[in-house]
Protein backbone atom coordinates (compact mmCIF):
# COMPACT_ATOMS: atom_id res chain seq x y z
CA UNK A 1 -156.60 -8.69 -288.46
CA UNK A 2 -153.59 -8.07 -286.28
CA UNK A 3 -152.69 -5.27 -283.90
CA UNK A 4 -149.02 -4.42 -283.66
CA UNK A 5 -146.64 -1.59 -282.91
CA UNK A 6 -146.19 1.19 -285.45
CA UNK A 7 -143.21 0.76 -287.79
CA UNK A 8 -142.15 4.12 -289.28
CA UNK A 9 -140.44 2.40 -292.21
CA UNK A 10 -143.57 0.62 -293.44
CA UNK A 11 -146.58 2.27 -291.78
CA UNK A 12 -146.10 6.00 -292.32
CA UNK A 13 -148.41 6.27 -295.35
CA UNK A 14 -151.15 4.29 -293.59
CA UNK A 15 -150.83 6.30 -290.38
CA UNK A 16 -150.90 9.48 -292.46
CA UNK A 17 -154.12 8.40 -294.17
CA UNK A 18 -155.72 7.66 -290.79
CA UNK A 19 -154.71 11.02 -289.33
CA UNK A 20 -156.03 12.92 -292.36
CA UNK A 21 -159.33 11.05 -292.30
CA UNK A 22 -159.74 11.53 -288.53
CA UNK A 23 -158.96 15.23 -288.71
CA UNK A 24 -161.27 15.76 -291.70
CA UNK A 25 -164.05 14.01 -289.76
CA UNK A 26 -163.49 16.29 -286.77
CA UNK A 27 -163.43 19.29 -289.12
CA UNK A 28 -166.88 18.29 -290.42
CA UNK A 29 -168.16 18.19 -286.84
CA UNK A 30 -166.51 21.50 -285.93
CA UNK A 31 -165.13 23.69 -288.75
CA UNK A 32 -162.90 25.53 -286.30
CA UNK A 33 -160.59 22.51 -286.45
CA UNK A 34 -158.04 22.43 -289.28
CA UNK A 35 -158.47 19.92 -292.09
CA UNK A 36 -156.24 16.87 -292.16
CA UNK A 37 -153.91 17.77 -295.01
CA UNK A 38 -153.07 21.12 -293.44
CA UNK A 39 -151.73 19.59 -290.20
CA UNK A 40 -150.71 15.98 -290.87
CA UNK A 41 -147.01 16.67 -291.55
CA UNK A 42 -146.70 18.52 -288.22
CA UNK A 43 -149.09 16.27 -286.31
CA UNK A 44 -147.35 12.92 -286.79
CA UNK A 45 -143.95 14.07 -285.42
CA UNK A 46 -145.80 15.70 -282.51
CA UNK A 47 -147.70 12.46 -281.82
CA UNK A 48 -144.47 10.49 -281.76
CA UNK A 49 -142.81 13.05 -279.48
CA UNK A 50 -145.71 12.89 -277.02
CA UNK A 51 -145.49 9.09 -277.06
CA UNK A 52 -141.90 9.42 -275.86
CA UNK A 53 -142.84 12.08 -273.27
CA UNK A 54 -145.72 10.06 -271.82
CA UNK A 55 -144.27 6.54 -272.11
CA UNK A 56 -146.62 5.67 -274.92
CA UNK A 57 -146.76 4.13 -278.32
CA UNK A 58 -148.75 3.97 -281.54
CA UNK A 59 -150.55 0.72 -282.25
CA UNK A 60 -151.51 -0.25 -285.79
CA UNK A 61 -154.47 -2.37 -286.83
CA UNK A 62 -153.50 -4.25 -289.97
CA UNK A 63 -156.00 -6.04 -292.18
CA UNK A 64 -154.95 -7.95 -295.28
CA UNK A 65 -151.55 -6.25 -295.25
CA UNK A 66 -153.00 -2.72 -295.04
CA UNK A 67 -153.09 -0.22 -292.20
CA UNK A 68 -156.77 -0.15 -291.24
CA UNK A 69 -156.52 2.06 -288.16
CA UNK A 70 -154.41 3.18 -285.27
CA UNK A 71 -154.46 3.99 -281.58
CA UNK A 72 -152.09 6.27 -279.71
CA UNK A 73 -151.67 5.20 -276.09
CA UNK A 74 -149.92 7.09 -273.31
CA UNK A 75 -149.20 5.45 -269.95
CA UNK A 76 -147.75 8.25 -267.80
CA UNK A 77 -149.85 11.39 -268.22
CA UNK A 78 -149.39 13.84 -265.33
CA UNK A 79 -152.08 16.19 -264.12
CA UNK A 80 -151.78 19.66 -265.64
CA UNK A 81 -153.27 21.81 -262.90
CA UNK A 82 -152.10 22.39 -259.33
CA UNK A 83 -155.35 20.95 -258.01
CA UNK A 84 -154.62 17.67 -259.84
CA UNK A 85 -151.93 16.89 -257.27
CA UNK A 86 -149.68 14.03 -258.30
CA UNK A 87 -152.45 12.18 -260.12
CA UNK A 88 -151.16 10.28 -263.13
CA UNK A 89 -153.19 8.29 -265.62
CA UNK A 90 -153.03 6.52 -268.94
CA UNK A 91 -154.76 7.93 -271.97
CA UNK A 92 -156.11 6.73 -275.27
CA UNK A 93 -155.00 9.89 -277.03
CA UNK A 94 -156.10 9.00 -280.56
CA UNK A 95 -158.18 6.32 -282.19
CA UNK A 96 -159.07 6.11 -285.87
CA UNK A 97 -160.25 3.41 -288.25
CA UNK A 98 -160.31 4.19 -291.95
CA UNK A 99 -163.87 4.42 -293.22
CA UNK A 100 -163.54 1.49 -295.63
CA UNK A 101 -162.61 -0.77 -292.70
CA UNK A 102 -165.31 0.30 -290.26
CA UNK A 103 -167.96 -2.09 -288.97
CA UNK A 104 -165.50 -4.95 -288.50
CA UNK A 105 -164.79 -4.43 -284.78
CA UNK A 106 -161.36 -2.92 -285.42
CA UNK A 107 -161.91 0.09 -283.17
CA UNK A 108 -163.04 -2.14 -280.34
CA UNK A 109 -160.00 -4.39 -280.78
CA UNK A 110 -157.67 -1.39 -280.82
CA UNK A 111 -159.20 -0.12 -277.57
CA UNK A 112 -158.90 -3.50 -275.89
CA UNK A 113 -155.27 -3.87 -277.03
CA UNK A 114 -154.55 -0.34 -275.77
CA UNK A 115 -156.09 -1.10 -272.39
CA UNK A 116 -154.20 -4.38 -272.12
CA UNK A 117 -150.86 -2.77 -272.89
CA UNK A 118 -151.56 0.14 -270.51
CA UNK A 119 -152.48 -2.33 -267.77
CA UNK A 120 -149.18 -4.17 -268.36
CA UNK A 121 -147.41 -0.82 -267.88
CA UNK A 122 -149.04 -0.36 -264.47
CA UNK A 123 -151.82 2.04 -265.48
CA UNK A 124 -154.77 2.00 -263.11
CA UNK A 125 -156.92 4.80 -264.55
CA UNK A 126 -157.27 5.01 -268.33
CA UNK A 127 -158.91 8.04 -269.91
CA UNK A 128 -159.93 9.23 -273.33
CA UNK A 129 -161.58 12.26 -274.84
CA UNK A 130 -164.31 12.37 -277.45
CA UNK A 131 -166.10 15.15 -279.26
CA UNK A 132 -169.62 15.60 -277.86
CA UNK A 133 -171.15 15.34 -281.34
CA UNK A 134 -169.34 12.09 -282.20
CA UNK A 135 -172.20 9.82 -281.21
CA UNK A 136 -170.80 6.62 -282.70
CA UNK A 137 -167.52 6.90 -280.80
CA UNK A 138 -169.29 7.85 -277.58
CA UNK A 139 -171.55 4.81 -277.89
CA UNK A 140 -168.56 2.52 -278.46
CA UNK A 141 -166.69 3.91 -275.46
CA UNK A 142 -169.74 3.56 -273.23
CA UNK A 143 -170.28 -0.01 -274.45
CA UNK A 144 -166.71 -0.78 -273.38
CA UNK A 145 -167.27 0.57 -269.87
CA UNK A 146 -166.11 4.18 -270.11
CA UNK A 147 -168.04 6.75 -268.12
CA UNK A 148 -167.89 10.50 -267.84
CA UNK A 149 -165.33 11.88 -265.42
CA UNK A 150 -165.27 15.52 -266.48
CA UNK A 151 -167.38 17.48 -268.92
CA UNK A 152 -166.16 20.61 -270.63
CA UNK A 153 -168.89 22.97 -271.80
CA UNK A 154 -168.78 25.81 -274.29
CA UNK A 155 -170.86 28.80 -275.26
CA UNK A 156 -170.36 31.00 -278.28
CA UNK A 157 -170.36 34.66 -277.25
């Protein structure tokens, strides 16, 4: 298994499959989210634009010549609120491993490669978000040393 930078000429179909699978998974957790097919053609260009805006990149996990997963890493994410001041951090904005490749440590390797690259770019604080009901991902992130820094709560009215 290798982790490398995304190549739009050869990796688009694999990245597309990952995005669709990730979004469909999130849709199953929360049906208010759109399904993967309905957003993928808009999502990928938006992802690549945000990588340029936030000095980031898409990393591909390749196994036996196939795209097995991806990570989107940003290194210069500014605070969005006045009270954030000039705080800037890195962010693991997306992480997905195709279901048929799970259980091989690919997600963990993508995270470690993302952290390493972000560190090389001068990132001190590296954040990520995870759906509260995504227990497997939360467990992986905690195992790798991530802790809660802010919790967003919701109530249906």
